[in-house]
Amino acid sequence: MEDKVLTGWMVTVTGKSSDHGTNNLEYPTFDLTLGIFPAAVRLSTLRGAWERTGGNTFAYTFMGFAVDEFNLPVWIGKVSGTVTLSADCNFETITATMEVFGPDMDPFEDVPWFTEILDEHYGYRADVDLP
C-alpha cells in the first residue's frame, strides 16, 4: 500500500446538473506569501466553476485573493486543471496549474506574473476502503 498524505485543503463541489456547477477551495495550510510576498497575511476561499468534458472527465477553475493586514489585495490567484474519475467513481486524478496576477491585473485577459504547474494529486471517496 502506498502512503496516503493529507493535502491540507478541502474542495466543496456543487451543481444542479451532472454537467456543470460551482466549487470552493479552502486551503488553510497554503503558504500565501509564495516565498516572495511577505505582506500577504490571509487567503480568501478560492471560488470557481467546473464542467464535464467527457464521461468521467471534468475541467475546473478557482480564483481568490491574498490580502495584507489592511485587507488590501497583494495578489490574485487562479488555479485551473482537470479531474479524471475512475470507472467506479471512487478515485480521482487531479491536475492543476496556478497563475499569479498582480492586484490590479485582469486574470481573464492579462499575462500572469508567473505560472506554476503543480504536482498531480489524487482524491478518494471518504467511504471507500483504501488499498
N, C-alpha and C. Protein backbone atom coordinates (compact mmCIF):
# COMPACT_ATOMS: atom_id res chain seq x y z
N MET A 1 0.85 -1.18 0.00
CA MET A 1 0.00 0.00 0.00
C MET A 1 0.89 1.24 0.00
N GLU A 2 0.61 2.18 -0.87
CA GLU A 2 1.37 3.42 -0.87
C GLU A 2 0.87 4.31 0.26
N ASP A 3 1.75 5.17 0.77
CA ASP A 3 1.38 6.08 1.84
C ASP A 3 0.43 7.15 1.32
N LYS A 4 -0.61 7.41 2.06
CA LYS A 4 -1.56 8.47 1.73
C LYS A 4 -1.24 9.67 2.62
N VAL A 5 -1.11 10.85 2.03
CA VAL A 5 -0.78 12.05 2.76
C VAL A 5 -1.93 13.04 2.62
N LEU A 6 -2.39 13.59 3.74
CA LEU A 6 -3.44 14.60 3.68
C LEU A 6 -2.89 15.86 3.03
N THR A 7 -3.70 16.50 2.22
CA THR A 7 -3.25 17.65 1.44
C THR A 7 -3.30 18.96 2.20
N GLY A 8 -4.15 19.08 3.18
CA GLY A 8 -4.31 20.36 3.87
C GLY A 8 -5.34 21.25 3.21
N TRP A 9 -6.05 20.76 2.20
CA TRP A 9 -7.08 21.56 1.54
C TRP A 9 -8.37 20.77 1.41
N MET A 10 -9.44 21.51 1.20
CA MET A 10 -10.77 20.91 1.05
C MET A 10 -11.48 21.59 -0.10
N VAL A 11 -12.10 20.80 -0.96
CA VAL A 11 -12.89 21.33 -2.08
C VAL A 11 -14.34 20.94 -1.87
N THR A 12 -15.23 21.91 -2.01
CA THR A 12 -16.66 21.66 -1.98
C THR A 12 -17.20 21.89 -3.38
N VAL A 13 -17.82 20.87 -3.95
CA VAL A 13 -18.31 20.93 -5.33
C VAL A 13 -19.83 20.83 -5.30
N THR A 14 -20.49 21.74 -6.01
CA THR A 14 -21.94 21.71 -6.08
C THR A 14 -22.38 21.86 -7.53
N GLY A 15 -23.63 21.55 -7.78
CA GLY A 15 -24.18 21.71 -9.12
C GLY A 15 -25.60 21.21 -9.17
N LYS A 16 -26.38 21.80 -10.03
CA LYS A 16 -27.77 21.37 -10.19
C LYS A 16 -27.92 20.41 -11.37
N SER A 17 -26.78 20.05 -11.97
CA SER A 17 -26.79 19.06 -13.04
C SER A 17 -25.49 18.28 -12.93
N SER A 18 -25.38 17.23 -13.73
CA SER A 18 -24.14 16.45 -13.73
C SER A 18 -23.14 17.00 -14.73
N ASP A 19 -23.46 18.13 -15.37
CA ASP A 19 -22.60 18.69 -16.42
C ASP A 19 -21.81 19.93 -16.00
N HIS A 20 -22.25 20.65 -14.96
CA HIS A 20 -21.54 21.85 -14.56
C HIS A 20 -21.99 22.29 -13.17
N GLY A 21 -21.19 23.15 -12.56
CA GLY A 21 -21.53 23.64 -11.24
C GLY A 21 -20.47 24.57 -10.71
N THR A 22 -20.49 24.76 -9.40
CA THR A 22 -19.53 25.65 -8.75
C THR A 22 -18.65 24.85 -7.79
N ASN A 23 -17.53 25.47 -7.41
CA ASN A 23 -16.65 24.82 -6.45
C ASN A 23 -15.97 25.87 -5.58
N ASN A 24 -15.61 25.46 -4.39
CA ASN A 24 -14.91 26.32 -3.44
C ASN A 24 -13.71 25.54 -2.91
N LEU A 25 -12.55 26.19 -2.91
CA LEU A 25 -11.32 25.58 -2.41
C LEU A 25 -10.89 26.33 -1.16
N GLU A 26 -10.77 25.61 -0.05
CA GLU A 26 -10.25 26.16 1.19
C GLU A 26 -8.90 25.50 1.43
N TYR A 27 -7.88 26.32 1.67
CA TYR A 27 -6.51 25.80 1.77
C TYR A 27 -5.77 26.51 2.91
N PRO A 28 -6.14 26.21 4.15
CA PRO A 28 -5.57 26.95 5.28
C PRO A 28 -4.08 26.71 5.50
N THR A 29 -3.50 25.65 4.95
CA THR A 29 -2.08 25.37 5.15
C THR A 29 -1.20 25.92 4.03
N PHE A 30 -1.79 26.60 3.06
CA PHE A 30 -1.05 27.12 1.92
C PHE A 30 -0.15 28.30 2.32
N ASP A 31 1.08 28.33 1.80
CA ASP A 31 1.99 29.45 2.06
C ASP A 31 1.61 30.60 1.14
N LEU A 32 0.74 31.47 1.61
CA LEU A 32 0.23 32.54 0.76
C LEU A 32 1.25 33.61 0.45
N THR A 33 2.41 33.59 1.12
CA THR A 33 3.47 34.54 0.76
C THR A 33 4.17 34.10 -0.52
N LEU A 34 3.98 32.85 -0.91
CA LEU A 34 4.63 32.26 -2.08
C LEU A 34 6.14 32.45 -2.03
N GLY A 35 6.66 32.73 -0.85
CA GLY A 35 8.08 32.92 -0.67
C GLY A 35 8.58 34.28 -1.14
N ILE A 36 7.69 35.11 -1.72
CA ILE A 36 8.12 36.43 -2.24
C ILE A 36 7.18 37.57 -1.89
N PHE A 37 6.06 37.29 -1.22
CA PHE A 37 5.08 38.32 -0.86
C PHE A 37 4.87 38.34 0.65
N PRO A 38 5.84 38.84 1.43
CA PRO A 38 5.71 38.80 2.88
C PRO A 38 4.52 39.59 3.42
N ALA A 39 3.98 40.52 2.66
CA ALA A 39 2.84 41.31 3.13
C ALA A 39 1.54 40.50 3.14
N ALA A 40 1.48 39.39 2.43
CA ALA A 40 0.26 38.57 2.37
C ALA A 40 0.05 37.87 3.71
N VAL A 41 -1.11 38.12 4.34
CA VAL A 41 -1.38 37.53 5.65
C VAL A 41 -2.64 36.66 5.68
N ARG A 42 -3.47 36.75 4.65
CA ARG A 42 -4.70 35.96 4.62
C ARG A 42 -5.06 35.62 3.18
N LEU A 43 -5.60 34.42 2.99
CA LEU A 43 -6.02 33.96 1.67
C LEU A 43 -7.52 33.72 1.69
N SER A 44 -8.21 34.28 0.71
CA SER A 44 -9.65 34.04 0.62
C SER A 44 -9.91 32.60 0.23
N THR A 45 -11.14 32.16 0.40
CA THR A 45 -11.57 30.91 -0.21
C THR A 45 -11.50 31.13 -1.72
N LEU A 46 -10.96 30.17 -2.44
CA LEU A 46 -10.94 30.27 -3.89
C LEU A 46 -12.26 29.72 -4.42
N ARG A 47 -12.91 30.48 -5.27
CA ARG A 47 -14.22 30.09 -5.79
C ARG A 47 -14.14 29.98 -7.30
N GLY A 48 -14.94 29.08 -7.85
CA GLY A 48 -14.89 28.90 -9.29
C GLY A 48 -16.00 28.03 -9.83
N ALA A 49 -15.73 27.44 -10.98
CA ALA A 49 -16.72 26.64 -11.67
C ALA A 49 -16.07 25.38 -12.25
N TRP A 50 -16.89 24.38 -12.48
CA TRP A 50 -16.43 23.15 -13.12
C TRP A 50 -17.42 22.78 -14.21
N GLU A 51 -16.94 21.99 -15.18
CA GLU A 51 -17.83 21.48 -16.21
C GLU A 51 -17.35 20.11 -16.65
N ARG A 52 -18.30 19.28 -17.02
CA ARG A 52 -17.98 17.95 -17.54
C ARG A 52 -17.43 18.11 -18.95
N THR A 53 -16.32 17.44 -19.24
CA THR A 53 -15.73 17.49 -20.58
C THR A 53 -15.79 16.15 -21.28
N GLY A 54 -16.24 15.12 -20.57
CA GLY A 54 -16.37 13.77 -21.11
C GLY A 54 -17.11 12.92 -20.11
N GLY A 55 -17.19 11.63 -20.35
CA GLY A 55 -17.93 10.75 -19.46
C GLY A 55 -17.44 10.78 -18.02
N ASN A 56 -16.13 10.77 -17.83
CA ASN A 56 -15.57 10.78 -16.48
C ASN A 56 -14.49 11.86 -16.32
N THR A 57 -14.54 12.89 -17.15
CA THR A 57 -13.54 13.96 -17.08
C THR A 57 -14.20 15.32 -16.90
N PHE A 58 -13.50 16.19 -16.17
CA PHE A 58 -14.02 17.50 -15.84
C PHE A 58 -12.91 18.53 -15.93
N ALA A 59 -13.26 19.76 -16.23
CA ALA A 59 -12.33 20.90 -16.17
C ALA A 59 -12.83 21.83 -15.08
N TYR A 60 -11.91 22.51 -14.41
CA TYR A 60 -12.30 23.42 -13.34
C TYR A 60 -11.38 24.63 -13.31
N THR A 61 -11.86 25.70 -12.69
CA THR A 61 -11.05 26.89 -12.41
C THR A 61 -11.52 27.48 -11.09
N PHE A 62 -10.55 27.90 -10.25
CA PHE A 62 -10.81 28.61 -9.00
C PHE A 62 -10.07 29.94 -9.06
N MET A 63 -10.59 30.94 -8.36
CA MET A 63 -9.88 32.21 -8.22
C MET A 63 -10.04 32.73 -6.80
N GLY A 64 -9.01 33.43 -6.32
CA GLY A 64 -9.06 34.02 -4.99
C GLY A 64 -8.00 35.08 -4.82
N PHE A 65 -7.96 35.68 -3.63
CA PHE A 65 -7.06 36.79 -3.34
C PHE A 65 -6.25 36.53 -2.09
N ALA A 66 -5.00 36.96 -2.12
CA ALA A 66 -4.20 37.08 -0.90
C ALA A 66 -4.24 38.56 -0.53
N VAL A 67 -4.46 38.85 0.76
CA VAL A 67 -4.56 40.24 1.19
C VAL A 67 -3.54 40.51 2.30
N ASP A 68 -3.27 41.81 2.50
CA ASP A 68 -2.35 42.22 3.55
C ASP A 68 -3.12 42.51 4.84
N GLU A 69 -2.42 43.02 5.84
CA GLU A 69 -3.05 43.28 7.14
C GLU A 69 -4.16 44.33 7.09
N PHE A 70 -4.21 45.12 6.02
CA PHE A 70 -5.25 46.14 5.85
C PHE A 70 -6.36 45.68 4.92
N ASN A 71 -6.36 44.38 4.59
CA ASN A 71 -7.32 43.76 3.67
C ASN A 71 -7.21 44.27 2.24
N LEU A 72 -6.03 44.75 1.88
CA LEU A 72 -5.77 45.17 0.50
C LEU A 72 -5.18 44.00 -0.27
N PRO A 73 -5.62 43.78 -1.51
CA PRO A 73 -5.10 42.65 -2.29
C PRO A 73 -3.59 42.76 -2.52
N VAL A 74 -2.90 41.65 -2.35
CA VAL A 74 -1.47 41.55 -2.62
C VAL A 74 -1.26 40.85 -3.97
N TRP A 75 -2.04 39.79 -4.20
CA TRP A 75 -2.01 39.09 -5.48
C TRP A 75 -3.34 38.37 -5.70
N ILE A 76 -3.60 38.04 -6.96
CA ILE A 76 -4.78 37.26 -7.36
C ILE A 76 -4.28 35.90 -7.83
N GLY A 77 -4.92 34.85 -7.35
CA GLY A 77 -4.55 33.51 -7.78
C GLY A 77 -5.64 32.87 -8.60
N LYS A 78 -5.22 32.14 -9.61
CA LYS A 78 -6.16 31.41 -10.48
C LYS A 78 -5.59 30.01 -10.66
N VAL A 79 -6.37 29.00 -10.28
CA VAL A 79 -5.95 27.62 -10.40
C VAL A 79 -6.92 26.92 -11.36
N SER A 80 -6.36 26.28 -12.38
CA SER A 80 -7.17 25.57 -13.38
C SER A 80 -6.59 24.18 -13.59
N GLY A 81 -7.45 23.25 -13.96
CA GLY A 81 -6.96 21.90 -14.23
C GLY A 81 -8.06 20.96 -14.65
N THR A 82 -7.76 19.68 -14.49
CA THR A 82 -8.70 18.63 -14.89
C THR A 82 -8.86 17.62 -13.75
N VAL A 83 -9.99 16.94 -13.76
CA VAL A 83 -10.25 15.84 -12.84
C VAL A 83 -10.70 14.66 -13.70
N THR A 84 -10.09 13.49 -13.46
CA THR A 84 -10.49 12.27 -14.14
C THR A 84 -10.91 11.26 -13.09
N LEU A 85 -12.16 10.81 -13.15
CA LEU A 85 -12.68 9.83 -12.20
C LEU A 85 -12.40 8.42 -12.67
N SER A 86 -12.20 7.51 -11.71
CA SER A 86 -12.08 6.08 -12.04
C SER A 86 -13.44 5.58 -12.51
N ALA A 87 -13.47 4.41 -13.13
CA ALA A 87 -14.71 3.84 -13.66
C ALA A 87 -15.77 3.67 -12.57
N ASP A 88 -15.35 3.36 -11.33
CA ASP A 88 -16.31 3.18 -10.24
C ASP A 88 -16.58 4.48 -9.46
N CYS A 89 -15.97 5.59 -9.89
CA CYS A 89 -16.16 6.92 -9.28
C CYS A 89 -15.64 7.01 -7.84
N ASN A 90 -14.78 6.09 -7.42
CA ASN A 90 -14.25 6.12 -6.06
C ASN A 90 -12.91 6.84 -5.94
N PHE A 91 -12.21 7.02 -7.06
CA PHE A 91 -10.90 7.66 -7.05
C PHE A 91 -10.85 8.71 -8.15
N GLU A 92 -10.04 9.74 -7.94
CA GLU A 92 -9.87 10.76 -8.97
C GLU A 92 -8.42 11.18 -9.07
N THR A 93 -8.02 11.51 -10.29
CA THR A 93 -6.70 12.06 -10.56
C THR A 93 -6.90 13.53 -10.93
N ILE A 94 -6.11 14.41 -10.31
CA ILE A 94 -6.32 15.85 -10.45
C ILE A 94 -5.03 16.49 -10.96
N THR A 95 -5.16 17.32 -12.00
CA THR A 95 -4.04 18.15 -12.46
C THR A 95 -4.38 19.59 -12.10
N ALA A 96 -3.34 20.41 -11.96
CA ALA A 96 -3.58 21.81 -11.59
C ALA A 96 -2.43 22.69 -12.05
N THR A 97 -2.77 23.88 -12.53
CA THR A 97 -1.81 24.91 -12.87
C THR A 97 -2.23 26.18 -12.15
N MET A 98 -1.28 26.80 -11.44
CA MET A 98 -1.57 28.03 -10.72
C MET A 98 -0.96 29.22 -11.45
N GLU A 99 -1.76 30.25 -11.64
CA GLU A 99 -1.30 31.50 -12.22
C GLU A 99 -1.45 32.58 -11.16
N VAL A 100 -0.44 33.47 -11.07
CA VAL A 100 -0.47 34.54 -10.08
C VAL A 100 -0.42 35.88 -10.82
N PHE A 101 -1.36 36.75 -10.46
CA PHE A 101 -1.52 38.07 -11.08
C PHE A 101 -1.36 39.15 -10.03
N GLY A 102 -0.98 40.34 -10.47
CA GLY A 102 -0.93 41.49 -9.59
C GLY A 102 -2.33 41.90 -9.20
N PRO A 103 -2.48 42.64 -8.09
CA PRO A 103 -3.81 43.01 -7.60
C PRO A 103 -4.59 43.93 -8.53
N ASP A 104 -3.91 44.60 -9.45
CA ASP A 104 -4.60 45.49 -10.39
C ASP A 104 -4.69 44.90 -11.79
N MET A 105 -4.36 43.60 -11.91
CA MET A 105 -4.38 42.94 -13.22
C MET A 105 -5.73 42.26 -13.46
N ASP A 106 -6.03 41.97 -14.72
CA ASP A 106 -7.24 41.25 -15.12
C ASP A 106 -6.87 39.78 -15.33
N PRO A 107 -7.28 38.88 -14.43
CA PRO A 107 -6.89 37.47 -14.56
C PRO A 107 -7.55 36.75 -15.74
N PHE A 108 -8.46 37.42 -16.43
CA PHE A 108 -9.09 36.83 -17.61
C PHE A 108 -8.40 37.27 -18.89
N GLU A 109 -7.66 38.37 -18.85
CA GLU A 109 -7.05 38.93 -20.06
C GLU A 109 -5.53 39.07 -19.99
N ASP A 110 -4.99 39.42 -18.82
CA ASP A 110 -3.58 39.74 -18.70
C ASP A 110 -2.70 38.49 -18.61
N VAL A 111 -1.44 38.64 -18.94
CA VAL A 111 -0.45 37.58 -18.77
C VAL A 111 -0.05 37.56 -17.30
N PRO A 112 -0.06 36.38 -16.66
CA PRO A 112 0.25 36.33 -15.23
C PRO A 112 1.70 36.70 -14.94
N TRP A 113 1.92 37.14 -13.70
CA TRP A 113 3.29 37.39 -13.25
C TRP A 113 4.12 36.11 -13.39
N PHE A 114 3.51 34.97 -12.95
CA PHE A 114 4.17 33.69 -13.15
C PHE A 114 3.13 32.57 -13.09
N THR A 115 3.54 31.43 -13.63
CA THR A 115 2.69 30.24 -13.71
C THR A 115 3.46 29.07 -13.13
N GLU A 116 2.78 28.23 -12.37
CA GLU A 116 3.41 27.03 -11.83
C GLU A 116 2.51 25.82 -12.06
N ILE A 117 3.07 24.80 -12.70
CA ILE A 117 2.34 23.54 -12.87
C ILE A 117 2.54 22.74 -11.59
N LEU A 118 1.44 22.41 -10.94
CA LEU A 118 1.50 21.72 -9.66
C LEU A 118 1.56 20.21 -9.87
N ASP A 119 2.08 19.50 -8.89
CA ASP A 119 2.15 18.04 -8.98
C ASP A 119 0.76 17.44 -9.12
N GLU A 120 0.67 16.36 -9.88
CA GLU A 120 -0.59 15.61 -9.98
C GLU A 120 -0.93 15.09 -8.59
N HIS A 121 -2.21 15.12 -8.25
CA HIS A 121 -2.62 14.59 -6.96
C HIS A 121 -3.91 13.79 -7.13
N TYR A 122 -4.34 13.16 -6.04
CA TYR A 122 -5.40 12.16 -6.12
C TYR A 122 -6.43 12.38 -5.03
N GLY A 123 -7.66 12.01 -5.32
CA GLY A 123 -8.73 12.10 -4.34
C GLY A 123 -9.38 10.74 -4.17
N TYR A 124 -9.89 10.50 -2.97
CA TYR A 124 -10.54 9.24 -2.64
C TYR A 124 -11.83 9.53 -1.91
N ARG A 125 -12.88 8.78 -2.24
CA ARG A 125 -14.14 8.95 -1.52
C ARG A 125 -13.92 8.57 -0.06
N ALA A 126 -14.53 9.32 0.84
CA ALA A 126 -14.34 9.08 2.27
C ALA A 126 -14.89 7.73 2.73
N ASP A 127 -15.86 7.20 2.01
CA ASP A 127 -16.50 5.94 2.44
C ASP A 127 -15.91 4.71 1.74
N VAL A 128 -14.72 4.85 1.15
CA VAL A 128 -14.08 3.75 0.43
C VAL A 128 -12.88 3.26 1.22
N ASP A 129 -12.72 1.94 1.34
CA ASP A 129 -11.53 1.38 1.97
C ASP A 129 -10.37 1.55 1.00
N LEU A 130 -9.29 2.17 1.47
CA LEU A 130 -8.12 2.39 0.63
C LEU A 130 -7.35 1.10 0.47
N PRO A 131 -6.69 0.93 -0.71
CA PRO A 131 -5.92 -0.30 -0.95
C PRO A 131 -4.74 -0.40 0.00
